[in-house]
C-alpha atoms as a PDB file:
ATOM      1  CA  UNK A   1     107.616 144.501  88.484  1.00  0.00           C
ATOM      2  CA  UNK A   2     108.265 145.773  91.827  1.00  0.00           C
ATOM      3  CA  UNK A   3     110.029 149.091  91.425  1.00  0.00           C
ATOM      4  CA  UNK A   4     110.837 150.279  95.490  1.00  0.00           C
ATOM      5  CA  UNK A   5     113.605 151.683  97.213  1.00  0.00           C
ATOM      6  CA  UNK A   6     112.383 149.470 100.118  1.00  0.00           C
ATOM      7  CA  UNK A   7     114.904 147.284 100.440  1.00  0.00           C
ATOM      8  CA  UNK A   8     114.688 143.805 100.831  1.00  0.00           C
ATOM      9  CA  UNK A   9     116.289 141.252 102.448  1.00  0.00           C
ATOM     10  CA  UNK A  10     116.234 137.387 101.541  1.00  0.00           C
ATOM     11  CA  UNK A  11     112.899 137.137 104.154  1.00  0.00           C
ATOM     12  CA  UNK A  12     111.521 139.185 101.312  1.00  0.00           C
ATOM     13  CA  UNK A  13     112.580 137.081  97.778  1.00  0.00           C
ATOM     14  CA  UNK A  14     110.238 134.983  96.068  1.00  0.00           C
ATOM     15  CA  UNK A  15     110.916 132.634  92.858  1.00  0.00           C
ATOM     16  CA  UNK A  16     109.566 134.654  90.469  1.00  0.00           C
ATOM     17  CA  UNK A  17     109.517 138.164  91.950  1.00  0.00           C
ATOM     18  CA  UNK A  18     110.465 140.815  88.975  1.00  0.00           C
ATOM     19  CA  UNK A  19     111.712 144.079  89.428  1.00  0.00           C
ATOM     20  CA  UNK A  20     112.165 147.463  87.184  1.00  0.00           C
ATOM     21  CA  UNK A  21     115.406 149.523  87.471  1.00  0.00           C
ATOM     22  CA  UNK A  22     115.335 153.351  86.174  1.00  0.00           C
ATOM     23  CA  UNK A  23     117.349 154.355  83.046  1.00  0.00           C
ATOM     24  CA  UNK A  24     120.015 155.120  82.082  1.00  0.00           C
ATOM     25  CA  UNK A  25     122.034 156.910  78.818  1.00  0.00           C
ATOM     26  CA  UNK A  26     125.055 156.011  76.899  1.00  0.00           C
ATOM     27  CA  UNK A  27     126.708 158.919  76.458  1.00  0.00           C
ATOM     28  CA  UNK A  28     129.488 159.075  73.746  1.00  0.00           C
ATOM     29  CA  UNK A  29     132.216 160.509  75.469  1.00  0.00           C
ATOM     30  CA  UNK A  30     131.887 158.838  79.129  1.00  0.00           C
ATOM     31  CA  UNK A  31     132.012 155.630  76.578  1.00  0.00           C
ATOM     32  CA  UNK A  32     134.956 156.213  75.119  1.00  0.00           C
ATOM     33  CA  UNK A  33     137.164 157.789  78.625  1.00  0.00           C
ATOM     34  CA  UNK A  34     135.568 154.550  79.644  1.00  0.00           C
ATOM     35  CA  UNK A  35     138.378 152.409  76.510  1.00  0.00           C
ATOM     36  CA  UNK A  36     140.421 154.661  76.600  1.00  0.00           C
ATOM     37  CA  UNK A  37     141.204 152.945  80.007  1.00  0.00           C
ATOM     38  CA  UNK A  38     139.636 149.795  80.298  1.00  0.00           C
ATOM     39  CA  UNK A  39     139.072 148.272  77.073  1.00  0.00           C
ATOM     40  CA  UNK A  40     141.048 150.686  74.312  1.00  0.00           C
ATOM     41  CA  UNK A  41     139.519 148.825  71.240  1.00  0.00           C
ATOM     42  CA  UNK A  42     139.387 150.916  67.762  1.00  0.00           C
ATOM     43  CA  UNK A  43     136.017 150.784  67.904  1.00  0.00           C
ATOM     44  CA  UNK A  44     135.302 152.095  71.057  1.00  0.00           C
ATOM     45  CA  UNK A  45     137.067 154.182  71.120  1.00  0.00           C
ATOM     46  CA  UNK A  46     137.337 155.636  67.083  1.00  0.00           C
ATOM     47  CA  UNK A  47     133.577 156.519  65.254  1.00  0.00           C
ATOM     48  CA  UNK A  48     135.454 155.788  62.003  1.00  0.00           C
ATOM     49  CA  UNK A  49     136.971 152.610  62.904  1.00  0.00           C
ATOM     50  CA  UNK A  50     134.157 151.105  64.797  1.00  0.00           C
ATOM     51  CA  UNK A  51     132.192 152.177  60.964  1.00  0.00           C
ATOM     52  CA  UNK A  52     134.354 149.706  59.584  1.00  0.00           C
ATOM     53  CA  UNK A  53     134.360 147.165  61.962  1.00  0.00           C
ATOM     54  CA  UNK A  54     131.702 144.291  62.226  1.00  0.00           C
ATOM     55  CA  UNK A  55     129.901 146.534  64.938  1.00  0.00           C
ATOM     56  CA  UNK A  56     128.987 149.073  61.553  1.00  0.00           C
ATOM     57  CA  UNK A  57     129.288 151.957  63.720  1.00  0.00           C
ATOM     58  CA  UNK A  58     131.122 152.744  67.327  1.00  0.00           C
ATOM     59  CA  UNK A  59     130.015 151.094  70.536  1.00  0.00           C
ATOM     60  CA  UNK A  60     130.645 150.791  73.774  1.00  0.00           C
ATOM     61  CA  UNK A  61     132.267 148.017  75.176  1.00  0.00           C
ATOM     62  CA  UNK A  62     130.589 145.338  77.020  1.00  0.00           C
ATOM     63  CA  UNK A  63     132.809 145.953  80.321  1.00  0.00           C
ATOM     64  CA  UNK A  64     131.240 149.292  80.225  1.00  0.00           C
ATOM     65  CA  UNK A  65     127.892 148.124  79.550  1.00  0.00           C
ATOM     66  CA  UNK A  66     128.337 145.792  82.389  1.00  0.00           C
ATOM     67  CA  UNK A  67     129.077 148.595  85.451  1.00  0.00           C
ATOM     68  CA  UNK A  68     126.080 150.537  83.540  1.00  0.00           C
ATOM     69  CA  UNK A  69     123.919 147.427  84.244  1.00  0.00           C
ATOM     70  CA  UNK A  70     125.751 147.207  88.048  1.00  0.00           C
ATOM     71  CA  UNK A  71     124.390 151.392  88.491  1.00  0.00           C
ATOM     72  CA  UNK A  72     121.180 150.335  87.426  1.00  0.00           C
ATOM     73  CA  UNK A  73     120.556 147.656  89.586  1.00  0.00           C
ATOM     74  CA  UNK A  74     122.941 149.518  92.951  1.00  0.00           C
ATOM     75  CA  UNK A  75     120.149 152.712  92.903  1.00  0.00           C
ATOM     76  CA  UNK A  76     117.490 151.167  92.930  1.00  0.00           C
ATOM     77  CA  UNK A  77     116.847 147.952  89.888  1.00  0.00           C
ATOM     78  CA  UNK A  78     117.070 145.609  93.530  1.00  0.00           C
ATOM     79  CA  UNK A  79     116.614 146.830  96.617  1.00  0.00           C
ATOM     80  CA  UNK A  80     119.073 144.102  98.619  1.00  0.00           C
ATOM     81  CA  UNK A  81     119.337 145.421 101.627  1.00  0.00           C
ATOM     82  CA  UNK A  82     123.360 144.614 102.809  1.00  0.00           C
ATOM     83  CA  UNK A  83     124.096 145.794  98.707  1.00  0.00           C
ATOM     84  CA  UNK A  84     124.508 143.271  96.131  1.00  0.00           C
ATOM     85  CA  UNK A  85     126.789 141.226  97.234  1.00  0.00           C
ATOM     86  CA  UNK A  86     128.118 138.931  94.086  1.00  0.00           C
ATOM     87  CA  UNK A  87     128.510 134.670  94.712  1.00  0.00           C
ATOM     88  CA  UNK A  88     129.280 134.690  91.388  1.00  0.00           C
ATOM     89  CA  UNK A  89     127.381 133.952  86.859  1.00  0.00           C
ATOM     90  CA  UNK A  90     127.336 134.733  84.002  1.00  0.00           C
ATOM     91  CA  UNK A  91     126.733 137.707  81.337  1.00  0.00           C
ATOM     92  CA  UNK A  92     126.653 138.476  77.759  1.00  0.00           C
ATOM     93  CA  UNK A  93     126.107 140.673  75.470  1.00  0.00           C
ATOM     94  CA  UNK A  94     123.826 139.789  73.163  1.00  0.00           C
ATOM     95  CA  UNK A  95     123.769 143.148  70.790  1.00  0.00           C
ATOM     96  CA  UNK A  96     125.897 145.838  71.120  1.00  0.00           C
ATOM     97  CA  UNK A  97     125.213 149.307  73.190  1.00  0.00           C
ATOM     98  CA  UNK A  98     125.529 152.746  71.041  1.00  0.00           C
ATOM     99  CA  UNK A  99     125.179 155.960  71.787  1.00  0.00           C
ATOM    100  CA  UNK A 100     123.043 157.766  72.067  1.00  0.00           C
ATOM    101  CA  UNK A 101     120.769 154.630  73.948  1.00  0.00           C
ATOM    102  CA  UNK A 102     118.696 154.709  76.181  1.00  0.00           C
ATOM    103  CA  UNK A 103     118.783 151.564  78.993  1.00  0.00           C
ATOM    104  CA  UNK A 104     116.854 149.950  81.810  1.00  0.00           C
ATOM    105  CA  UNK A 105     117.738 146.859  83.700  1.00  0.00           C
ATOM    106  CA  UNK A 106     114.544 144.239  84.440  1.00  0.00           C
ATOM    107  CA  UNK A 107     115.425 141.358  86.788  1.00  0.00           C
ATOM    108  CA  UNK A 108     113.974 138.399  88.728  1.00  0.00           C
ATOM    109  CA  UNK A 109     114.505 135.833  90.860  1.00  0.00           C
ATOM    110  CA  UNK A 110     114.883 131.861  89.886  1.00  0.00           C
ATOM    111  CA  UNK A 111     116.665 130.955  92.328  1.00  0.00           C
ATOM    112  CA  UNK A 112     116.523 131.066  97.008  1.00  0.00           C
ATOM    113  CA  UNK A 113     118.819 128.765  98.696  1.00  0.00           C
ATOM    114  CA  UNK A 114     118.627 129.302 102.586  1.00  0.00           C
ATOM    115  CA  UNK A 115     121.224 128.256 104.445  1.00  0.00           C
ATOM    116  CA  UNK A 116     120.662 125.725 107.129  1.00  0.00           C
ATOM    117  CA  UNK A 117     123.540 127.691 109.390  1.00  0.00           C
ATOM    118  CA  UNK A 118     123.675 131.244 109.212  1.00  0.00           C
ATOM    119  CA  UNK A 119     120.704 134.042 109.201  1.00  0.00           C
ATOM    120  CA  UNK A 120     121.804 134.563 104.721  1.00  0.00           C
ATOM    121  CA  UNK A 121     120.655 132.271 101.353  1.00  0.00           C
ATOM    122  CA  UNK A 122     121.527 132.782  97.633  1.00  0.00           C
ATOM    123  CA  UNK A 123     119.566 134.257  95.486  1.00  0.00           C
ATOM    124  CA  UNK A 124     120.301 133.396  91.664  1.00  0.00           C
ATOM    125  CA  UNK A 125     118.516 136.617  89.845  1.00  0.00           C
ATOM    126  CA  UNK A 126     118.504 136.527  86.167  1.00  0.00           C
ATOM    127  CA  UNK A 127     119.053 140.108  84.571  1.00  0.00           C
ATOM    128  CA  UNK A 128     118.246 141.382  81.191  1.00  0.00           C
ATOM    129  CA  UNK A 129     118.904 144.970  79.621  1.00  0.00           C
ATOM    130  CA  UNK A 130     117.610 146.611  77.151  1.00  0.00           C
ATOM    131  CA  UNK A 131     117.895 149.417  75.436  1.00  0.00           C
ATOM    132  CA  UNK A 132     114.591 151.937  74.077  1.00  0.00           C
ATOM    133  CA  UNK A 133     114.079 149.533  71.379  1.00  0.00           C
ATOM    134  CA  UNK A 134     113.265 146.308  73.193  1.00  0.00           C
ATOM    135  CA  UNK A 135     116.704 145.125  72.651  1.00  0.00           C
ATOM    136  CA  UNK A 136     118.139 143.619  74.848  1.00  0.00           C
ATOM    137  CA  UNK A 137     122.062 144.711  74.630  1.00  0.00           C
ATOM    138  CA  UNK A 138     123.463 142.361  78.140  1.00  0.00           C
ATOM    139  CA  UNK A 139     122.634 138.869  79.713  1.00  0.00           C
ATOM    140  CA  UNK A 140     122.913 138.475  83.216  1.00  0.00           C
ATOM    141  CA  UNK A 141     122.871 135.545  85.566  1.00  0.00           C
ATOM    142  CA  UNK A 142     124.491 136.052  88.885  1.00  0.00           C
ATOM    143  CA  UNK A 143     124.193 134.574  92.330  1.00  0.00           C
ATOM    144  CA  UNK A 144     123.803 137.459  95.322  1.00  0.00           C
ATOM    145  CA  UNK A 145     124.674 136.358  99.558  1.00  0.00           C
ATOM    146  CA  UNK A 146     121.918 137.846 100.833  1.00  0.00           C
ATOM    147  CA  UNK A 147     121.445 138.480 104.618  1.00  0.00           C
ATOM    148  CA  UNK A 148     118.106 137.993 106.572  1.00  0.00           C
ATOM    149  CA  UNK A 149     116.583 140.042 108.590  1.00  0.00           C
ATOM    150  CA  UNK A 150     118.350 141.005 112.056  1.00  0.00           C
END
């Protein structure tokens, strides 16, 4: 797995190349604040409501988990030179993310499609976020616009 801070261009990437991010601790207060503003459901904001739900405890919003994944990728987990410019994708949350979880992203390049007419290409990545126990809590398949080296 690659863990580097050197920005990468289309020409630097290869199918099968893997990257790993740093870690992020899911803090209960931040999870609740996010939920209160963007996903105000009881099992994201209230411990008792979470206990009474199918989750059997307080859980982070999936959108908060996705935002944390983006942070992990953008801060070194996927060092694309021109930034992570999304072209579309698919996400899933196989398990809930809970307060105190320490998560990280592992990402693999699965396809590279260079443009025939522009100095760029579309790179497809597949990523997974795992907690401290190795449980996968978030899955991402995304297409990114990546520039060639000038």
